[in-house]
Amino acid sequence: MPIHILNRRRTKTPRAPELRARIGAILAAIGHGGAELSVALVGDAEIAALNLAWRRKQGPTDVLAFPLGEGEYSDVAPHMLGDVVVSVDTAARQARAKGHPLARELDILLTHGILHLVGYDHEQGPQRARQMRAEERRIARLLEGMKG
């Protein structure tokens, strides 16, 4: 299960082995334990540039997902899910506002991004949003039980 992590932030983020274990748990929980993906931890400026380029939306967002399972060549490497990009700056603000640790907010955002990679989409109507939210809650409970 190759999980590639690029950490462009100098702030206190969980170390790569801990992140890999938690991402591995998310993948296993959704039936994609052997999948490959990349995760980039970036700042607000970098995610804002991606948000503008790919979604035509101004400003930073918390997480972006770039699935490889869509488009003309989606069947070339089905084990490769895609890329998840998380703004650690935004995650830290959201964690402070919610009163929980940054690591927990990263779990939330990584789960959300990974679910997008496998086809969940809260923007496709209320029923799809409820399904995605239920899956996010299920995975959150699983991650809460993990040490670290």
C-alpha atoms as a PDB file:
ATOM      1  CA  MET A   1       0.000   0.000   0.000  1.00  0.00           C
ATOM      2  CA  PRO A   2       2.143   2.902  -1.196  1.00  0.00           C
ATOM      3  CA  ILE A   3       1.095   6.104   0.523  1.00  0.00           C
ATOM      4  CA  HIS A   4       3.220   9.029  -0.590  1.00  0.00           C
ATOM      5  CA  ILE A   5       3.362  12.030   1.732  1.00  0.00           C
ATOM      6  CA  LEU A   6       4.798  15.411   0.818  1.00  0.00           C
ATOM      7  CA  ASN A   7       4.908  17.786   3.786  1.00  0.00           C
ATOM      8  CA  ARG A   8       5.640  21.345   2.730  1.00  0.00           C
ATOM      9  CA  ARG A   9       4.761  22.774   6.165  1.00  0.00           C
ATOM     10  CA  ARG A  10       7.111  23.391   9.053  1.00  0.00           C
ATOM     11  CA  THR A  11       4.291  23.553  11.587  1.00  0.00           C
ATOM     12  CA  LYS A  12       3.722  20.683  13.996  1.00  0.00           C
ATOM     13  CA  THR A  13       2.050  18.016  11.912  1.00  0.00           C
ATOM     14  CA  PRO A  14       1.955  14.318  12.718  1.00  0.00           C
ATOM     15  CA  ARG A  15       5.044  12.498  11.522  1.00  0.00           C
ATOM     16  CA  ALA A  16       4.910  10.587   8.242  1.00  0.00           C
ATOM     17  CA  PRO A  17       4.743   7.074   9.803  1.00  0.00           C
ATOM     18  CA  GLU A  18       1.766   8.093  11.966  1.00  0.00           C
ATOM     19  CA  LEU A  19       0.031   9.739   8.991  1.00  0.00           C
ATOM     20  CA  ARG A  20       0.638   6.653   6.849  1.00  0.00           C
ATOM     21  CA  ALA A  21      -0.880   4.418   9.522  1.00  0.00           C
ATOM     22  CA  ARG A  22      -3.977   6.602   9.842  1.00  0.00           C
ATOM     23  CA  ILE A  23      -4.385   6.915   6.063  1.00  0.00           C
ATOM     24  CA  GLY A  24      -3.937   3.141   5.804  1.00  0.00           C
ATOM     25  CA  ALA A  25      -6.731   2.693   8.362  1.00  0.00           C
ATOM     26  CA  ILE A  26      -9.016   4.976   6.334  1.00  0.00           C
ATOM     27  CA  LEU A  27      -8.262   3.037   3.146  1.00  0.00           C
ATOM     28  CA  ALA A  28      -8.846  -0.308   4.857  1.00  0.00           C
ATOM     29  CA  ALA A  29     -12.143   0.945   6.313  1.00  0.00           C
ATOM     30  CA  ILE A  30     -13.465   1.746   2.844  1.00  0.00           C
ATOM     31  CA  GLY A  31     -12.230  -1.460   1.239  1.00  0.00           C
ATOM     32  CA  HIS A  32      -9.205   0.010  -0.531  1.00  0.00           C
ATOM     33  CA  GLY A  33      -6.413  -1.295   1.684  1.00  0.00           C
ATOM     34  CA  GLY A  34      -4.109  -2.021  -1.250  1.00  0.00           C
ATOM     35  CA  ALA A  35      -4.633   1.309  -2.962  1.00  0.00           C
ATOM     36  CA  GLU A  36      -1.989   3.903  -3.733  1.00  0.00           C
ATOM     37  CA  LEU A  37      -2.387   7.623  -3.192  1.00  0.00           C
ATOM     38  CA  SER A  38      -0.409  10.771  -2.593  1.00  0.00           C
ATOM     39  CA  VAL A  39      -1.012  13.305   0.145  1.00  0.00           C
ATOM     40  CA  ALA A  40       0.435  16.809   0.121  1.00  0.00           C
ATOM     41  CA  LEU A  41       0.379  18.986   3.226  1.00  0.00           C
ATOM     42  CA  VAL A  42       0.647  22.572   2.031  1.00  0.00           C
ATOM     43  CA  GLY A  43      -0.064  26.129   3.121  1.00  0.00           C
ATOM     44  CA  ASP A  44      -2.924  28.449   2.256  1.00  0.00           C
ATOM     45  CA  ALA A  45      -1.119  30.131  -0.636  1.00  0.00           C
ATOM     46  CA  GLU A  46      -0.409  26.854  -2.425  1.00  0.00           C
ATOM     47  CA  ILE A  47      -3.911  25.430  -1.955  1.00  0.00           C
ATOM     48  CA  ALA A  48      -5.462  28.764  -3.014  1.00  0.00           C
ATOM     49  CA  ALA A  49      -3.523  28.548  -6.302  1.00  0.00           C
ATOM     50  CA  LEU A  50      -4.775  24.990  -6.844  1.00  0.00           C
ATOM     51  CA  ASN A  51      -8.325  25.977  -5.898  1.00  0.00           C
ATOM     52  CA  LEU A  52      -8.281  28.757  -8.482  1.00  0.00           C
ATOM     53  CA  ALA A  53      -6.667  26.648 -11.205  1.00  0.00           C
ATOM     54  CA  TRP A  54      -8.890  23.578 -10.809  1.00  0.00           C
ATOM     55  CA  ARG A  55     -12.142  24.829  -9.301  1.00  0.00           C
ATOM     56  CA  ARG A  56     -12.142  28.463 -10.416  1.00  0.00           C
ATOM     57  CA  LYS A  57     -12.691  29.497  -6.773  1.00  0.00           C
ATOM     58  CA  GLN A  58     -10.795  32.308  -5.073  1.00  0.00           C
ATOM     59  CA  GLY A  59      -8.928  31.782  -1.823  1.00  0.00           C
ATOM     60  CA  PRO A  60      -7.785  28.815   0.197  1.00  0.00           C
ATOM     61  CA  THR A  61      -9.871  25.780   1.012  1.00  0.00           C
ATOM     62  CA  ASP A  62      -9.169  23.046   3.531  1.00  0.00           C
ATOM     63  CA  VAL A  63      -8.842  19.993   1.262  1.00  0.00           C
ATOM     64  CA  LEU A  64      -8.789  19.190  -2.440  1.00  0.00           C
ATOM     65  CA  ALA A  65      -9.005  15.743  -4.024  1.00  0.00           C
ATOM     66  CA  PHE A  66      -7.785  14.815  -7.482  1.00  0.00           C
ATOM     67  CA  PRO A  67      -9.113  11.335  -8.342  1.00  0.00           C
ATOM     68  CA  LEU A  68      -7.369   9.230 -10.947  1.00  0.00           C
ATOM     69  CA  GLY A  69     -10.417   6.994 -11.283  1.00  0.00           C
ATOM     70  CA  GLU A  70     -12.160   9.479 -13.557  1.00  0.00           C
ATOM     71  CA  GLY A  71     -11.638  10.368 -17.172  1.00  0.00           C
ATOM     72  CA  GLU A  72     -10.362   8.726 -20.300  1.00  0.00           C
ATOM     73  CA  TYR A  73      -7.522   6.717 -18.749  1.00  0.00           C
ATOM     74  CA  SER A  74      -9.170   5.777 -15.456  1.00  0.00           C
ATOM     75  CA  ASP A  75      -8.710   2.049 -16.052  1.00  0.00           C
ATOM     76  CA  VAL A  76      -4.940   2.180 -16.602  1.00  0.00           C
ATOM     77  CA  ALA A  77      -4.005   1.825 -12.916  1.00  0.00           C
ATOM     78  CA  PRO A  78      -7.157   1.224 -10.867  1.00  0.00           C
ATOM     79  CA  HIS A  79      -5.132   0.716  -7.654  1.00  0.00           C
ATOM     80  CA  MET A  80      -3.988   4.363  -7.862  1.00  0.00           C
ATOM     81  CA  LEU A  81      -6.687   6.499  -6.267  1.00  0.00           C
ATOM     82  CA  GLY A  82      -5.187   9.958  -6.809  1.00  0.00           C
ATOM     83  CA  ASP A  83      -3.992  12.899  -4.767  1.00  0.00           C
ATOM     84  CA  VAL A  84      -5.273  14.632  -1.648  1.00  0.00           C
ATOM     85  CA  VAL A  85      -4.001  18.127  -0.844  1.00  0.00           C
ATOM     86  CA  VAL A  86      -4.601  19.564   2.630  1.00  0.00           C
ATOM     87  CA  SER A  87      -3.934  23.119   3.770  1.00  0.00           C
ATOM     88  CA  VAL A  88      -2.335  22.771   7.187  1.00  0.00           C
ATOM     89  CA  ASP A  89      -2.900  26.510   7.758  1.00  0.00           C
ATOM     90  CA  THR A  90      -6.662  26.145   7.269  1.00  0.00           C
ATOM     91  CA  ALA A  91      -6.726  22.861   9.195  1.00  0.00           C
ATOM     92  CA  ALA A  92      -5.020  24.537  12.160  1.00  0.00           C
ATOM     93  CA  ARG A  93      -7.558  27.390  12.184  1.00  0.00           C
ATOM     94  CA  GLN A  94     -10.449  24.924  11.961  1.00  0.00           C
ATOM     95  CA  ALA A  95      -8.985  22.777  14.755  1.00  0.00           C
ATOM     96  CA  ARG A  96      -8.667  25.822  17.039  1.00  0.00           C
ATOM     97  CA  ALA A  97     -12.237  26.904  16.239  1.00  0.00           C
ATOM     98  CA  LYS A  98     -13.570  23.407  17.003  1.00  0.00           C
ATOM     99  CA  GLY A  99     -11.398  23.019  20.100  1.00  0.00           C
ATOM    100  CA  HIS A 100      -9.613  19.856  19.078  1.00  0.00           C
ATOM    101  CA  PRO A 101      -6.025  18.955  18.088  1.00  0.00           C
ATOM    102  CA  LEU A 102      -4.639  19.532  14.616  1.00  0.00           C
ATOM    103  CA  ALA A 103      -4.150  15.762  14.212  1.00  0.00           C
ATOM    104  CA  ARG A 104      -7.895  15.197  14.576  1.00  0.00           C
ATOM    105  CA  GLU A 105      -8.689  17.891  12.006  1.00  0.00           C
ATOM    106  CA  LEU A 106      -6.202  16.297   9.613  1.00  0.00           C
ATOM    107  CA  ASP A 107      -7.996  12.962  10.103  1.00  0.00           C
ATOM    108  CA  ILE A 108     -11.288  14.659   9.193  1.00  0.00           C
ATOM    109  CA  LEU A 109      -9.866  16.331   6.097  1.00  0.00           C
ATOM    110  CA  LEU A 110      -7.932  13.267   4.910  1.00  0.00           C
ATOM    111  CA  THR A 111     -11.055  11.141   5.295  1.00  0.00           C
ATOM    112  CA  HIS A 112     -13.093  13.682   3.339  1.00  0.00           C
ATOM    113  CA  GLY A 113     -10.515  13.871   0.542  1.00  0.00           C
ATOM    114  CA  ILE A 114     -10.070  10.103   0.313  1.00  0.00           C
ATOM    115  CA  LEU A 115     -13.835   9.585   0.145  1.00  0.00           C
ATOM    116  CA  HIS A 116     -13.915  11.978  -2.801  1.00  0.00           C
ATOM    117  CA  LEU A 117     -11.215   9.877  -4.497  1.00  0.00           C
ATOM    118  CA  VAL A 118     -13.446   6.788  -4.331  1.00  0.00           C
ATOM    119  CA  GLY A 119     -16.578   8.491  -5.626  1.00  0.00           C
ATOM    120  CA  TYR A 120     -18.350  10.095  -2.681  1.00  0.00           C
ATOM    121  CA  ASP A 121     -19.560  13.591  -3.502  1.00  0.00           C
ATOM    122  CA  HIS A 122     -21.567  15.763  -1.110  1.00  0.00           C
ATOM    123  CA  GLU A 123     -22.170  18.291  -3.884  1.00  0.00           C
ATOM    124  CA  GLN A 124     -24.410  15.855  -5.815  1.00  0.00           C
ATOM    125  CA  GLY A 125     -27.481  16.374  -3.677  1.00  0.00           C
ATOM    126  CA  PRO A 126     -28.740  15.900  -0.126  1.00  0.00           C
ATOM    127  CA  GLN A 127     -28.854  12.097  -0.217  1.00  0.00           C
ATOM    128  CA  ARG A 128     -25.256  11.819  -1.434  1.00  0.00           C
ATOM    129  CA  ALA A 129     -24.217  14.372   1.196  1.00  0.00           C
ATOM    130  CA  ARG A 130     -25.889  12.288   3.944  1.00  0.00           C
ATOM    131  CA  GLN A 131     -24.155   9.123   2.690  1.00  0.00           C
ATOM    132  CA  MET A 132     -20.774  10.828   2.703  1.00  0.00           C
ATOM    133  CA  ARG A 133     -21.311  12.331   6.153  1.00  0.00           C
ATOM    134  CA  ALA A 134     -22.356   8.938   7.571  1.00  0.00           C
ATOM    135  CA  GLU A 135     -19.192   7.350   6.171  1.00  0.00           C
ATOM    136  CA  GLU A 136     -17.081  10.200   7.596  1.00  0.00           C
ATOM    137  CA  ARG A 137     -18.616   9.617  11.060  1.00  0.00           C
ATOM    138  CA  ARG A 138     -18.004   5.861  10.837  1.00  0.00           C
ATOM    139  CA  ILE A 139     -14.350   6.381   9.943  1.00  0.00           C
ATOM    140  CA  ALA A 140     -13.919   9.059  12.633  1.00  0.00           C
ATOM    141  CA  ARG A 141     -15.059   6.545  15.271  1.00  0.00           C
ATOM    142  CA  LEU A 142     -12.563   4.014  13.937  1.00  0.00           C
ATOM    143  CA  LEU A 143      -9.715   6.558  14.017  1.00  0.00           C
ATOM    144  CA  GLU A 144     -10.624   7.684  17.542  1.00  0.00           C
ATOM    145  CA  GLY A 145      -9.963   4.121  18.669  1.00  0.00           C
ATOM    146  CA  MET A 146      -6.438   4.140  17.234  1.00  0.00           C
ATOM    147  CA  LYS A 147      -3.497   5.087  19.404  1.00  0.00           C
ATOM    148  CA  GLY A 148      -1.808   8.322  18.355  1.00  0.00           C
END
